[in-house]
């Protein structure tokens, strides 16, 4: 558009120059006529030639100006094309930059959405973990409560056992059994029963040896020649001398040791009575005494504890303490072949 305007301007300039030179051609002729004399023909012709040369020079100048204008127009057009190309490239770069910015914004939005989703997932996982911890705590609390309830039940059962035992002991005090002079003894949760009840001598409880050994699962043998009773359990041997107050202990390695008994073995009505605590503790059993109920408890480590200790028996005195009549031939200080040591 600028090139066309410039060309139009050049054409109008040429036309204006031609119009202006027209009066100059006629000017000399009119001047000469005004002076009243006719100029020579040569002068007029020279003037015309001069004017023609000037017009030619002017036309050449105008053509040169036109060519210059044409060159300038071409240059301007080329500059315009370059400017348009540069502007197009800039616009294209701006468009690409805008697209890149838009893509970057979209990527940032996606990243933020992913981060929010990740945070939400972490929040859900944390809430779930807290919920699981809370459930575990509730389960532990429930188990503790159940354990406390179970302990309370056990304590109540033990209290009931003690009450029953106390009731049995009170009943025994009210109606003492004939011939019973010792306390009740429970070995591994079972009442120790024999033809003769235990006796207490010099503060030591003596029990029938064979009955105690049977409850402790020990083997008993008697040597009439030496008047010695031997008790064996798990390669541990106890030799009791009925003529003295000593006992010989022999372990599984064959090592022997002689110790004195607090009370020597006693032969009562043909039955050998031995100190309960010494025999039980030698075989690694524990012995405990309840002064309230008067009950002695013997418990081996490998034996299972009973759920509830038996109450005191309510049998008649004749059933509990029936004493067999000793034969006249029975030796008072040593058991016979038919009797229990």
C-alpha atoms as a PDB file:
ATOM      1  CA  UNK A   1       0.000   0.000   0.000  1.00  0.00           C
ATOM      2  CA  UNK A   2       2.825   2.420   0.783  1.00  0.00           C
ATOM      3  CA  UNK A   3       4.577   1.626  -2.554  1.00  0.00           C
ATOM      4  CA  UNK A   4       1.460   2.404  -4.616  1.00  0.00           C
ATOM      5  CA  UNK A   5       1.014   5.714  -2.810  1.00  0.00           C
ATOM      6  CA  UNK A   6       4.611   6.646  -3.479  1.00  0.00           C
ATOM      7  CA  UNK A   7       4.317   5.823  -7.213  1.00  0.00           C
ATOM      8  CA  UNK A   8       1.184   7.896  -7.492  1.00  0.00           C
ATOM      9  CA  UNK A   9       2.995  10.765  -5.860  1.00  0.00           C
ATOM     10  CA  UNK A  10       5.838  10.519  -8.423  1.00  0.00           C
ATOM     11  CA  UNK A  11       3.394  10.551 -11.378  1.00  0.00           C
ATOM     12  CA  UNK A  12       1.594  13.603 -10.039  1.00  0.00           C
ATOM     13  CA  UNK A  13       4.944  15.345  -9.581  1.00  0.00           C
ATOM     14  CA  UNK A  14       5.876  14.698 -13.237  1.00  0.00           C
ATOM     15  CA  UNK A  15       2.538  15.974 -14.498  1.00  0.00           C
ATOM     16  CA  UNK A  16       2.824  19.104 -12.389  1.00  0.00           C
ATOM     17  CA  UNK A  17       6.331  19.766 -13.740  1.00  0.00           C
ATOM     18  CA  UNK A  18       5.086  19.479 -17.346  1.00  0.00           C
ATOM     19  CA  UNK A  19       2.257  21.852 -16.675  1.00  0.00           C
ATOM     20  CA  UNK A  20       4.601  24.374 -15.184  1.00  0.00           C
ATOM     21  CA  UNK A  21       7.033  24.247 -18.132  1.00  0.00           C
ATOM     22  CA  UNK A  22       4.293  25.027 -20.695  1.00  0.00           C
ATOM     23  CA  UNK A  23       4.130  28.818 -20.034  1.00  0.00           C
ATOM     24  CA  UNK A  24       7.937  28.962 -20.115  1.00  0.00           C
ATOM     25  CA  UNK A  25       7.903  27.899 -23.791  1.00  0.00           C
ATOM     26  CA  UNK A  26       5.613  30.747 -24.779  1.00  0.00           C
ATOM     27  CA  UNK A  27       7.192  33.340 -22.542  1.00  0.00           C
ATOM     28  CA  UNK A  28       9.977  34.499 -24.903  1.00  0.00           C
ATOM     29  CA  UNK A  29       7.634  34.855 -27.866  1.00  0.00           C
ATOM     30  CA  UNK A  30       5.251  37.028 -25.948  1.00  0.00           C
ATOM     31  CA  UNK A  31       8.088  39.148 -24.655  1.00  0.00           C
ATOM     32  CA  UNK A  32       9.414  39.764 -28.028  1.00  0.00           C
ATOM     33  CA  UNK A  33       5.979  40.706 -29.328  1.00  0.00           C
ATOM     34  CA  UNK A  34       5.564  43.068 -26.496  1.00  0.00           C
ATOM     35  CA  UNK A  35       8.735  44.889 -27.317  1.00  0.00           C
ATOM     36  CA  UNK A  36       7.314  45.719 -30.691  1.00  0.00           C
ATOM     37  CA  UNK A  37       9.916  44.181 -32.838  1.00  0.00           C
ATOM     38  CA  UNK A  38      10.275  40.793 -34.432  1.00  0.00           C
ATOM     39  CA  UNK A  39      13.201  38.798 -33.230  1.00  0.00           C
ATOM     40  CA  UNK A  40      15.226  36.981 -35.698  1.00  0.00           C
ATOM     41  CA  UNK A  41      14.178  33.451 -36.454  1.00  0.00           C
ATOM     42  CA  UNK A  42      17.461  32.095 -35.253  1.00  0.00           C
ATOM     43  CA  UNK A  43      17.008  33.525 -31.825  1.00  0.00           C
ATOM     44  CA  UNK A  44      13.571  32.007 -31.485  1.00  0.00           C
ATOM     45  CA  UNK A  45      14.806  28.681 -32.669  1.00  0.00           C
ATOM     46  CA  UNK A  46      17.726  28.750 -30.232  1.00  0.00           C
ATOM     47  CA  UNK A  47      15.413  29.590 -27.411  1.00  0.00           C
ATOM     48  CA  UNK A  48      13.155  26.716 -28.283  1.00  0.00           C
ATOM     49  CA  UNK A  49      16.107  24.422 -28.506  1.00  0.00           C
ATOM     50  CA  UNK A  50      17.267  25.639 -25.165  1.00  0.00           C
ATOM     51  CA  UNK A  51      13.857  25.065 -23.622  1.00  0.00           C
ATOM     52  CA  UNK A  52      13.677  21.636 -25.227  1.00  0.00           C
ATOM     53  CA  UNK A  53      17.042  20.703 -23.787  1.00  0.00           C
ATOM     54  CA  UNK A  54      15.966  21.915 -20.383  1.00  0.00           C
ATOM     55  CA  UNK A  55      12.741  19.942 -20.641  1.00  0.00           C
ATOM     56  CA  UNK A  56      14.711  16.882 -21.656  1.00  0.00           C
ATOM     57  CA  UNK A  57      17.024  17.414 -18.716  1.00  0.00           C
ATOM     58  CA  UNK A  58      14.028  17.807 -16.466  1.00  0.00           C
ATOM     59  CA  UNK A  59      12.460  14.615 -17.865  1.00  0.00           C
ATOM     60  CA  UNK A  60      15.702  12.733 -17.375  1.00  0.00           C
ATOM     61  CA  UNK A  61      15.864  14.056 -13.836  1.00  0.00           C
ATOM     62  CA  UNK A  62      12.244  13.068 -13.356  1.00  0.00           C
ATOM     63  CA  UNK A  63      12.986   9.598 -14.779  1.00  0.00           C
ATOM     64  CA  UNK A  64      15.960   9.326 -12.484  1.00  0.00           C
ATOM     65  CA  UNK A  65      13.748  10.420  -9.632  1.00  0.00           C
ATOM     66  CA  UNK A  66      11.185   7.855 -10.762  1.00  0.00           C
ATOM     67  CA  UNK A  67      13.820   5.135 -10.896  1.00  0.00           C
ATOM     68  CA  UNK A  68      15.069   6.191  -7.508  1.00  0.00           C
ATOM     69  CA  UNK A  69      11.528   6.187  -6.255  1.00  0.00           C
ATOM     70  CA  UNK A  70      11.065   2.770  -7.872  1.00  0.00           C
ATOM     71  CA  UNK A  71      14.203   1.501  -6.173  1.00  0.00           C
ATOM     72  CA  UNK A  72      13.162   3.089  -2.944  1.00  0.00           C
ATOM     73  CA  UNK A  73       9.703   1.562  -3.366  1.00  0.00           C
ATOM     74  CA  UNK A  74      11.229  -1.843  -4.037  1.00  0.00           C
ATOM     75  CA  UNK A  75      13.467  -1.385  -1.039  1.00  0.00           C
ATOM     76  CA  UNK A  76      10.529  -0.255   1.015  1.00  0.00           C
ATOM     77  CA  UNK A  77       8.486  -3.213  -0.230  1.00  0.00           C
ATOM     78  CA  UNK A  78      11.352  -5.556   0.580  1.00  0.00           C
ATOM     79  CA  UNK A  79      11.699  -3.949   4.000  1.00  0.00           C
ATOM     80  CA  UNK A  80       7.964  -4.291   4.486  1.00  0.00           C
ATOM     81  CA  UNK A  81       8.132  -7.951   3.466  1.00  0.00           C
ATOM     82  CA  UNK A  82      11.039  -8.489   5.845  1.00  0.00           C
ATOM     83  CA  UNK A  83       9.155  -6.646   8.571  1.00  0.00           C
ATOM     84  CA  UNK A  84       6.062  -8.738   7.834  1.00  0.00           C
ATOM     85  CA  UNK A  85       8.187 -11.892   7.904  1.00  0.00           C
ATOM     86  CA  UNK A  86       9.844 -10.804  11.143  1.00  0.00           C
ATOM     87  CA  UNK A  87       6.494  -9.896  12.603  1.00  0.00           C
ATOM     88  CA  UNK A  88       5.093 -13.226  11.420  1.00  0.00           C
ATOM     89  CA  UNK A  89       8.000 -15.069  12.973  1.00  0.00           C
ATOM     90  CA  UNK A  90       7.605 -13.075  16.167  1.00  0.00           C
ATOM     91  CA  UNK A  91       3.896 -13.788  16.195  1.00  0.00           C
ATOM     92  CA  UNK A  92       4.599 -17.444  15.549  1.00  0.00           C
ATOM     93  CA  UNK A  93       7.190 -17.468  18.333  1.00  0.00           C
ATOM     94  CA  UNK A  94       4.725 -15.710  20.614  1.00  0.00           C
ATOM     95  CA  UNK A  95       2.077 -18.249  19.705  1.00  0.00           C
ATOM     96  CA  UNK A  96       4.514 -21.095  20.378  1.00  0.00           C
ATOM     97  CA  UNK A  97       5.575 -19.437  23.620  1.00  0.00           C
ATOM     98  CA  UNK A  98       1.936 -19.029  24.548  1.00  0.00           C
ATOM     99  CA  UNK A  99       1.323 -22.689  23.782  1.00  0.00           C
ATOM    100  CA  UNK A 100       4.345 -23.639  25.860  1.00  0.00           C
ATOM    101  CA  UNK A 101       3.101 -21.455  28.697  1.00  0.00           C
ATOM    102  CA  UNK A 102      -0.332 -23.013  28.394  1.00  0.00           C
ATOM    103  CA  UNK A 103       1.199 -26.503  28.394  1.00  0.00           C
ATOM    104  CA  UNK A 104       3.294 -25.563  31.403  1.00  0.00           C
ATOM    105  CA  UNK A 105       0.204 -24.260  33.187  1.00  0.00           C
ATOM    106  CA  UNK A 106      -1.656 -27.476  32.345  1.00  0.00           C
ATOM    107  CA  UNK A 107       1.284 -29.536  33.608  1.00  0.00           C
ATOM    108  CA  UNK A 108       1.376 -27.509  36.802  1.00  0.00           C
ATOM    109  CA  UNK A 109      -2.366 -28.042  37.231  1.00  0.00           C
ATOM    110  CA  UNK A 110      -1.920 -31.786  36.690  1.00  0.00           C
ATOM    111  CA  UNK A 111       0.999 -31.848  39.139  1.00  0.00           C
ATOM    112  CA  UNK A 112      -1.023 -29.987  41.744  1.00  0.00           C
ATOM    113  CA  UNK A 113      -3.933 -32.378  41.210  1.00  0.00           C
ATOM    114  CA  UNK A 114      -1.577 -35.354  41.634  1.00  0.00           C
ATOM    115  CA  UNK A 115      -0.105 -33.813  44.775  1.00  0.00           C
ATOM    116  CA  UNK A 116      -3.577 -33.199  46.181  1.00  0.00           C
ATOM    117  CA  UNK A 117      -4.540 -36.794  45.365  1.00  0.00           C
ATOM    118  CA  UNK A 118      -1.337 -38.001  47.021  1.00  0.00           C
ATOM    119  CA  UNK A 119      -2.040 -35.895  50.107  1.00  0.00           C
ATOM    120  CA  UNK A 120      -5.581 -37.238  50.207  1.00  0.00           C
ATOM    121  CA  UNK A 121      -4.278 -40.804  49.889  1.00  0.00           C
ATOM    122  CA  UNK A 122      -1.781 -40.179  52.675  1.00  0.00           C
ATOM    123  CA  UNK A 123      -4.572 -38.725  54.799  1.00  0.00           C
ATOM    124  CA  UNK A 124      -6.751 -41.771  54.162  1.00  0.00           C
ATOM    125  CA  UNK A 125      -3.862 -44.120  54.963  1.00  0.00           C
ATOM    126  CA  UNK A 126      -3.101 -42.193  58.138  1.00  0.00           C
ATOM    127  CA  UNK A 127      -6.747 -42.241  59.175  1.00  0.00           C
ATOM    128  CA  UNK A 128      -6.904 -45.980  58.444  1.00  0.00           C
ATOM    129  CA  UNK A 129      -3.721 -46.595  60.457  1.00  0.00           C
ATOM    130  CA  UNK A 130      -5.127 -44.579  63.365  1.00  0.00           C
ATOM    131  CA  UNK A 131      -8.344 -46.557  63.135  1.00  0.00           C
ATOM    132  CA  UNK A 132      -6.416 -49.851  63.195  1.00  0.00           C
ATOM    133  CA  UNK A 133      -4.377 -48.663  66.195  1.00  0.00           C
ATOM    134  CA  UNK A 134      -7.582 -47.686  67.956  1.00  0.00           C
ATOM    135  CA  UNK A 135      -9.120 -51.082  67.199  1.00  0.00           C
ATOM    136  CA  UNK A 136      -5.991 -52.821  68.535  1.00  0.00           C
ATOM    137  CA  UNK A 137      -6.111 -50.704  71.695  1.00  0.00           C
ATOM    138  CA  UNK A 138      -9.779 -51.544  72.148  1.00  0.00           C
ATOM    139  CA  UNK A 139      -9.015 -55.257  71.657  1.00  0.00           C
ATOM    140  CA  UNK A 140      -6.161 -55.071  74.159  1.00  0.00           C
ATOM    141  CA  UNK A 141      -8.394 -53.221  76.604  1.00  0.00           C
ATOM    142  CA  UNK A 142     -11.098 -55.837  76.080  1.00  0.00           C
ATOM    143  CA  UNK A 143      -8.583 -58.636  76.632  1.00  0.00           C
ATOM    144  CA  UNK A 144      -7.372 -56.922  79.800  1.00  0.00           C
ATOM    145  CA  UNK A 145     -10.942 -56.608  81.021  1.00  0.00           C
ATOM    146  CA  UNK A 146     -11.570 -60.262  80.208  1.00  0.00           C
ATOM    147  CA  UNK A 147      -8.364 -61.199  82.033  1.00  0.00           C
ATOM    148  CA  UNK A 148      -9.463 -59.150  85.038  1.00  0.00           C
ATOM    149  CA  UNK A 149     -12.865 -60.830  84.966  1.00  0.00           C
ATOM    150  CA  UNK A 150     -11.196 -64.230  84.733  1.00  0.00           C
ATOM    151  CA  UNK A 151      -8.872 -63.352  87.605  1.00  0.00           C
ATOM    152  CA  UNK A 152     -11.856 -62.232  89.644  1.00  0.00           C
ATOM    153  CA  UNK A 153     -13.591 -65.522  88.882  1.00  0.00           C
ATOM    154  CA  UNK A 154     -10.494 -67.443  89.928  1.00  0.00           C
ATOM    155  CA  UNK A 155     -10.250 -65.395  93.111  1.00  0.00           C
ATOM    156  CA  UNK A 156     -13.914 -66.045  93.785  1.00  0.00           C
ATOM    157  CA  UNK A 157     -13.408 -69.769  93.180  1.00  0.00           C
ATOM    158  CA  UNK A 158     -10.372 -69.779  95.454  1.00  0.00           C
ATOM    159  CA  UNK A 159     -12.381 -67.908  98.054  1.00  0.00           C
ATOM    160  CA  UNK A 160     -15.137 -70.504  97.702  1.00  0.00           C
ATOM    161  CA  UNK A 161     -12.553 -73.274  98.124  1.00  0.00           C
ATOM    162  CA  UNK A 162     -11.206 -71.592 101.231  1.00  0.00           C
ATOM    163  CA  UNK A 163     -14.711 -71.126 102.589  1.00  0.00           C
ATOM    164  CA  UNK A 164     -15.502 -74.788 101.907  1.00  0.00           C
ATOM    165  CA  UNK A 165     -12.231 -75.847 103.491  1.00  0.00           C
ATOM    166  CA  UNK A 166     -12.884 -73.608 106.478  1.00  0.00           C
ATOM    167  CA  UNK A 167     -16.387 -75.028 106.740  1.00  0.00           C
ATOM    168  CA  UNK A 168     -14.961 -78.557 106.632  1.00  0.00           C
ATOM    169  CA  UNK A 169     -12.373 -77.668 109.265  1.00  0.00           C
ATOM    170  CA  UNK A 170     -15.082 -76.146 111.442  1.00  0.00           C
ATOM    171  CA  UNK A 171     -17.176 -79.260 110.983  1.00  0.00           C
ATOM    172  CA  UNK A 172     -14.222 -81.372 111.992  1.00  0.00           C
ATOM    173  CA  UNK A 173     -13.772 -79.245 115.113  1.00  0.00           C
ATOM    174  CA  UNK A 174     -17.433 -79.586 115.974  1.00  0.00           C
ATOM    175  CA  UNK A 175     -17.537 -83.334 115.268  1.00  0.00           C
ATOM    176  CA  UNK A 176     -13.963 -84.663 115.543  1.00  0.00           C
ATOM    177  CA  UNK A 177     -13.311 -87.973 113.922  1.00  0.00           C
ATOM    178  CA  UNK A 178     -12.322 -90.872 116.082  1.00  0.00           C
ATOM    179  CA  UNK A 179      -8.576 -91.581 115.946  1.00  0.00           C
ATOM    180  CA  UNK A 180      -7.758 -88.517 113.732  1.00  0.00           C
ATOM    181  CA  UNK A 181      -4.937 -86.588 115.332  1.00  0.00           C
ATOM    182  CA  UNK A 182      -3.215 -84.993 112.279  1.00  0.00           C
ATOM    183  CA  UNK A 183      -4.187 -82.419 109.615  1.00  0.00           C
ATOM    184  CA  UNK A 184      -5.610 -83.093 106.170  1.00  0.00           C
ATOM    185  CA  UNK A 185      -2.959 -83.501 103.450  1.00  0.00           C
ATOM    186  CA  UNK A 186      -3.443 -82.960  99.719  1.00  0.00           C
ATOM    187  CA  UNK A 187      -0.746 -84.328  97.405  1.00  0.00           C
ATOM    188  CA  UNK A 188      -0.939 -82.991  93.825  1.00  0.00           C
ATOM    189  CA  UNK A 189      -4.553 -82.013  94.445  1.00  0.00           C
ATOM    190  CA  UNK A 190      -5.694 -85.355  95.926  1.00  0.00           C
ATOM    191  CA  UNK A 191      -6.453 -86.137  99.540  1.00  0.00           C
ATOM    192  CA  UNK A 192      -3.887 -88.433 101.117  1.00  0.00           C
ATOM    193  CA  UNK A 193      -5.858 -91.376 102.507  1.00  0.00           C
ATOM    194  CA  UNK A 194      -4.587 -94.370 104.365  1.00  0.00           C
ATOM    195  CA  UNK A 195      -5.673 -96.777 107.060  1.00  0.00           C
ATOM    196  CA  UNK A 196      -4.056 -94.498 109.624  1.00  0.00           C
ATOM    197  CA  UNK A 197      -4.239 -90.684 109.593  1.00  0.00           C
ATOM    198  CA  UNK A 198      -1.159 -88.471 109.839  1.00  0.00           C
ATOM    199  CA  UNK A 199       0.168 -87.582 113.260  1.00  0.00           C
ATOM    200  CA  UNK A 200       2.038 -84.579 114.603  1.00  0.00           C
ATOM    201  CA  UNK A 201       5.028 -85.240 116.853  1.00  0.00           C
ATOM    202  CA  UNK A 202       7.323 -82.540 118.212  1.00  0.00           C
ATOM    203  CA  UNK A 203       5.915 -80.067 115.656  1.00  0.00           C
ATOM    204  CA  UNK A 204       6.639 -82.397 112.712  1.00  0.00           C
ATOM    205  CA  UNK A 205       3.890 -83.992 110.655  1.00  0.00           C
ATOM    206  CA  UNK A 206       4.422 -87.726 110.118  1.00  0.00           C
ATOM    207  CA  UNK A 207       2.543 -89.624 107.399  1.00  0.00           C
ATOM    208  CA  UNK A 208       2.406 -93.257 106.261  1.00  0.00           C
ATOM    209  CA  UNK A 209       5.338 -93.716 103.916  1.00  0.00           C
ATOM    210  CA  UNK A 210       3.733 -96.054 101.376  1.00  0.00           C
ATOM    211  CA  UNK A 211       0.686 -93.790 100.880  1.00  0.00           C
ATOM    212  CA  UNK A 212       2.909 -90.743 100.369  1.00  0.00           C
ATOM    213  CA  UNK A 213       5.230 -92.611  97.989  1.00  0.00           C
ATOM    214  CA  UNK A 214       2.275 -93.793  95.925  1.00  0.00           C
ATOM    215  CA  UNK A 215       1.062 -90.199  95.497  1.00  0.00           C
ATOM    216  CA  UNK A 216       4.605 -89.090  94.540  1.00  0.00           C
ATOM    217  CA  UNK A 217       4.967 -92.086  92.173  1.00  0.00           C
ATOM    218  CA  UNK A 218       8.024 -93.402  93.988  1.00  0.00           C
ATOM    219  CA  UNK A 219       9.022 -97.038  94.550  1.00  0.00           C
ATOM    220  CA  UNK A 220       9.328 -98.374  98.102  1.00  0.00           C
ATOM    221  CA  UNK A 221      11.214-101.465  99.281  1.00  0.00           C
ATOM    222  CA  UNK A 222      12.011-102.819 102.773  1.00  0.00           C
ATOM    223  CA  UNK A 223      15.069-104.760 103.926  1.00  0.00           C
ATOM    224  CA  UNK A 224      14.127-106.725 107.055  1.00  0.00           C
ATOM    225  CA  UNK A 225      17.722-107.754 107.741  1.00  0.00           C
ATOM    226  CA  UNK A 226      18.984-104.178 108.035  1.00  0.00           C
ATOM    227  CA  UNK A 227      15.616-102.701 108.966  1.00  0.00           C
ATOM    228  CA  UNK A 228      16.030-100.146 106.233  1.00  0.00           C
ATOM    229  CA  UNK A 229      13.339 -98.652 103.998  1.00  0.00           C
ATOM    230  CA  UNK A 230      14.433 -97.535 100.505  1.00  0.00           C
ATOM    231  CA  UNK A 231      12.478 -94.992  98.408  1.00  0.00           C
ATOM    232  CA  UNK A 232      13.517 -94.491  94.764  1.00  0.00           C
ATOM    233  CA  UNK A 233      12.282 -91.893  92.259  1.00  0.00           C
ATOM    234  CA  UNK A 234      14.038 -90.796  89.056  1.00  0.00           C
ATOM    235  CA  UNK A 235      17.459 -92.128  90.067  1.00  0.00           C
ATOM    236  CA  UNK A 236      17.231 -90.411  93.459  1.00  0.00           C
ATOM    237  CA  UNK A 237      17.374 -92.817  96.403  1.00  0.00           C
ATOM    238  CA  UNK A 238      16.383 -92.263 100.047  1.00  0.00           C
ATOM    239  CA  UNK A 239      17.413 -94.909 102.611  1.00  0.00           C
ATOM    240  CA  UNK A 240      15.670 -94.599 106.005  1.00  0.00           C
ATOM    241  CA  UNK A 241      17.017 -96.467 108.978  1.00  0.00           C
ATOM    242  CA  UNK A 242      14.268 -97.552 111.364  1.00  0.00           C
ATOM    243  CA  UNK A 243      16.770 -98.035 114.171  1.00  0.00           C
ATOM    244  CA  UNK A 244      18.205 -94.518 114.073  1.00  0.00           C
ATOM    245  CA  UNK A 245      17.370 -90.978 113.129  1.00  0.00           C
ATOM    246  CA  UNK A 246      19.576 -90.739 110.053  1.00  0.00           C
ATOM    247  CA  UNK A 247      18.847 -90.979 106.347  1.00  0.00           C
ATOM    248  CA  UNK A 248      21.171 -91.641 103.430  1.00  0.00           C
ATOM    249  CA  UNK A 249      20.631 -89.774 100.139  1.00  0.00           C
ATOM    250  CA  UNK A 250      22.096 -91.042  96.867  1.00  0.00           C
ATOM    251  CA  UNK A 251      21.862 -89.024  93.629  1.00  0.00           C
ATOM    252  CA  UNK A 252      22.035 -90.208  90.017  1.00  0.00           C
ATOM    253  CA  UNK A 253      25.837 -89.853  89.997  1.00  0.00           C
ATOM    254  CA  UNK A 254      26.162 -92.273  92.888  1.00  0.00           C
ATOM    255  CA  UNK A 255      27.198 -89.638  95.405  1.00  0.00           C
ATOM    256  CA  UNK A 256      25.910 -90.370  98.920  1.00  0.00           C
ATOM    257  CA  UNK A 257      25.132 -88.008 101.758  1.00  0.00           C
ATOM    258  CA  UNK A 258      23.912 -88.804 105.277  1.00  0.00           C
ATOM    259  CA  UNK A 259      21.703 -86.334 107.114  1.00  0.00           C
ATOM    260  CA  UNK A 260      19.776 -86.349 110.362  1.00  0.00           C
ATOM    261  CA  UNK A 261      15.976 -86.249 110.497  1.00  0.00           C
ATOM    262  CA  UNK A 262      14.165 -83.789 112.792  1.00  0.00           C
ATOM    263  CA  UNK A 263      12.067 -86.730 113.996  1.00  0.00           C
ATOM    264  CA  UNK A 264      13.116 -90.341 113.316  1.00  0.00           C
ATOM    265  CA  UNK A 265      10.739 -92.675 111.469  1.00  0.00           C
ATOM    266  CA  UNK A 266       8.000 -94.129 113.670  1.00  0.00           C
ATOM    267  CA  UNK A 267       6.305 -97.512 113.453  1.00  0.00           C
ATOM    268  CA  UNK A 268       2.655 -97.183 114.472  1.00  0.00           C
ATOM    269  CA  UNK A 269       0.409-100.244 114.369  1.00  0.00           C
ATOM    270  CA  UNK A 270       2.667-101.883 111.823  1.00  0.00           C
ATOM    271  CA  UNK A 271       2.888 -98.801 109.529  1.00  0.00           C
ATOM    272  CA  UNK A 272       6.046 -96.746 109.009  1.00  0.00           C
ATOM    273  CA  UNK A 273       5.485 -92.994 109.497  1.00  0.00           C
ATOM    274  CA  UNK A 274       8.098 -90.563 108.101  1.00  0.00           C
ATOM    275  CA  UNK A 275       8.479 -86.737 108.193  1.00  0.00           C
ATOM    276  CA  UNK A 276       6.279 -85.369 105.390  1.00  0.00           C
ATOM    277  CA  UNK A 277       8.244 -82.191 104.555  1.00  0.00           C
ATOM    278  CA  UNK A 278      11.612 -83.933 104.390  1.00  0.00           C
ATOM    279  CA  UNK A 279      10.439 -86.654 101.969  1.00  0.00           C
ATOM    280  CA  UNK A 280       8.418 -84.245  99.768  1.00  0.00           C
ATOM    281  CA  UNK A 281      11.118 -81.574  99.489  1.00  0.00           C
ATOM    282  CA  UNK A 282      13.801 -84.197  98.815  1.00  0.00           C
ATOM    283  CA  UNK A 283      11.803 -85.139  95.695  1.00  0.00           C
ATOM    284  CA  UNK A 284      11.572 -81.407  94.719  1.00  0.00           C
ATOM    285  CA  UNK A 285       7.935 -80.998  95.788  1.00  0.00           C
ATOM    286  CA  UNK A 286       6.726 -77.846  97.554  1.00  0.00           C
ATOM    287  CA  UNK A 287       4.976 -78.019 100.928  1.00  0.00           C
ATOM    288  CA  UNK A 288       2.646 -75.318 102.256  1.00  0.00           C
ATOM    289  CA  UNK A 289       0.439 -75.117 105.339  1.00  0.00           C
ATOM    290  CA  UNK A 290      -2.737 -73.064 105.782  1.00  0.00           C
ATOM    291  CA  UNK A 291      -3.180 -72.321 109.498  1.00  0.00           C
ATOM    292  CA  UNK A 292      -6.756 -71.166 108.913  1.00  0.00           C
ATOM    293  CA  UNK A 293      -7.996 -74.463 107.518  1.00  0.00           C
ATOM    294  CA  UNK A 294      -5.224 -76.697 108.865  1.00  0.00           C
ATOM    295  CA  UNK A 295      -4.634 -78.124 105.392  1.00  0.00           C
ATOM    296  CA  UNK A 296      -1.177 -79.152 104.152  1.00  0.00           C
ATOM    297  CA  UNK A 297      -0.606 -78.994 100.393  1.00  0.00           C
ATOM    298  CA  UNK A 298       2.152 -80.931  98.627  1.00  0.00           C
ATOM    299  CA  UNK A 299       2.669 -80.002  94.961  1.00  0.00           C
ATOM    300  CA  UNK A 300       5.211 -81.348  92.496  1.00  0.00           C
ATOM    301  CA  UNK A 301       6.478 -79.011  89.734  1.00  0.00           C
ATOM    302  CA  UNK A 302       5.630 -81.384  86.896  1.00  0.00           C
ATOM    303  CA  UNK A 303       2.146 -82.192  88.265  1.00  0.00           C
ATOM    304  CA  UNK A 304      -0.765 -80.076  87.015  1.00  0.00           C
ATOM    305  CA  UNK A 305      -2.399 -77.857  89.628  1.00  0.00           C
ATOM    306  CA  UNK A 306      -5.987 -78.898  90.318  1.00  0.00           C
ATOM    307  CA  UNK A 307      -8.677 -76.457  89.289  1.00  0.00           C
ATOM    308  CA  UNK A 308     -10.224 -76.670  92.731  1.00  0.00           C
ATOM    309  CA  UNK A 309      -8.911 -78.354  95.851  1.00  0.00           C
ATOM    310  CA  UNK A 310     -11.287 -80.954  97.258  1.00  0.00           C
ATOM    311  CA  UNK A 311     -13.249 -79.908 100.289  1.00  0.00           C
ATOM    312  CA  UNK A 312     -12.874 -81.650 103.588  1.00  0.00           C
ATOM    313  CA  UNK A 313     -14.554 -85.042 103.465  1.00  0.00           C
ATOM    314  CA  UNK A 314     -17.898 -85.354 105.169  1.00  0.00           C
ATOM    315  CA  UNK A 315     -17.634 -89.096 105.810  1.00  0.00           C
ATOM    316  CA  UNK A 316     -18.229 -90.612 109.175  1.00  0.00           C
ATOM    317  CA  UNK A 317     -15.277 -91.003 111.542  1.00  0.00           C
ATOM    318  CA  UNK A 318     -15.292 -94.752 111.118  1.00  0.00           C
ATOM    319  CA  UNK A 319     -14.867 -94.438 107.329  1.00  0.00           C
ATOM    320  CA  UNK A 320     -11.989 -91.959 107.607  1.00  0.00           C
ATOM    321  CA  UNK A 321      -9.913 -93.327 110.471  1.00  0.00           C
ATOM    322  CA  UNK A 322     -10.548 -97.004 110.703  1.00  0.00           C
ATOM    323  CA  UNK A 323      -7.457 -98.503 112.320  1.00  0.00           C
ATOM    324  CA  UNK A 324      -6.803-102.186 111.531  1.00  0.00           C
ATOM    325  CA  UNK A 325      -6.139-104.382 114.516  1.00  0.00           C
ATOM    326  CA  UNK A 326      -2.511-105.321 114.849  1.00  0.00           C
ATOM    327  CA  UNK A 327      -1.711-108.978 114.886  1.00  0.00           C
ATOM    328  CA  UNK A 328      -0.077-110.327 118.074  1.00  0.00           C
ATOM    329  CA  UNK A 329       2.909-111.502 116.048  1.00  0.00           C
ATOM    330  CA  UNK A 330       3.549-108.052 114.624  1.00  0.00           C
ATOM    331  CA  UNK A 331       6.798-106.574 115.738  1.00  0.00           C
ATOM    332  CA  UNK A 332       6.150-103.187 117.392  1.00  0.00           C
ATOM    333  CA  UNK A 333       9.256-101.550 116.015  1.00  0.00           C
ATOM    334  CA  UNK A 334       9.375-102.981 112.533  1.00  0.00           C
ATOM    335  CA  UNK A 335       6.772-103.746 109.861  1.00  0.00           C
ATOM    336  CA  UNK A 336       5.880-107.313 109.132  1.00  0.00           C
ATOM    337  CA  UNK A 337       6.100-108.839 105.691  1.00  0.00           C
ATOM    338  CA  UNK A 338       2.374-108.291 105.125  1.00  0.00           C
ATOM    339  CA  UNK A 339       2.262-104.726 106.381  1.00  0.00           C
ATOM    340  CA  UNK A 340       3.193-101.449 104.614  1.00  0.00           C
ATOM    341  CA  UNK A 341       6.452 -99.780 105.545  1.00  0.00           C
END
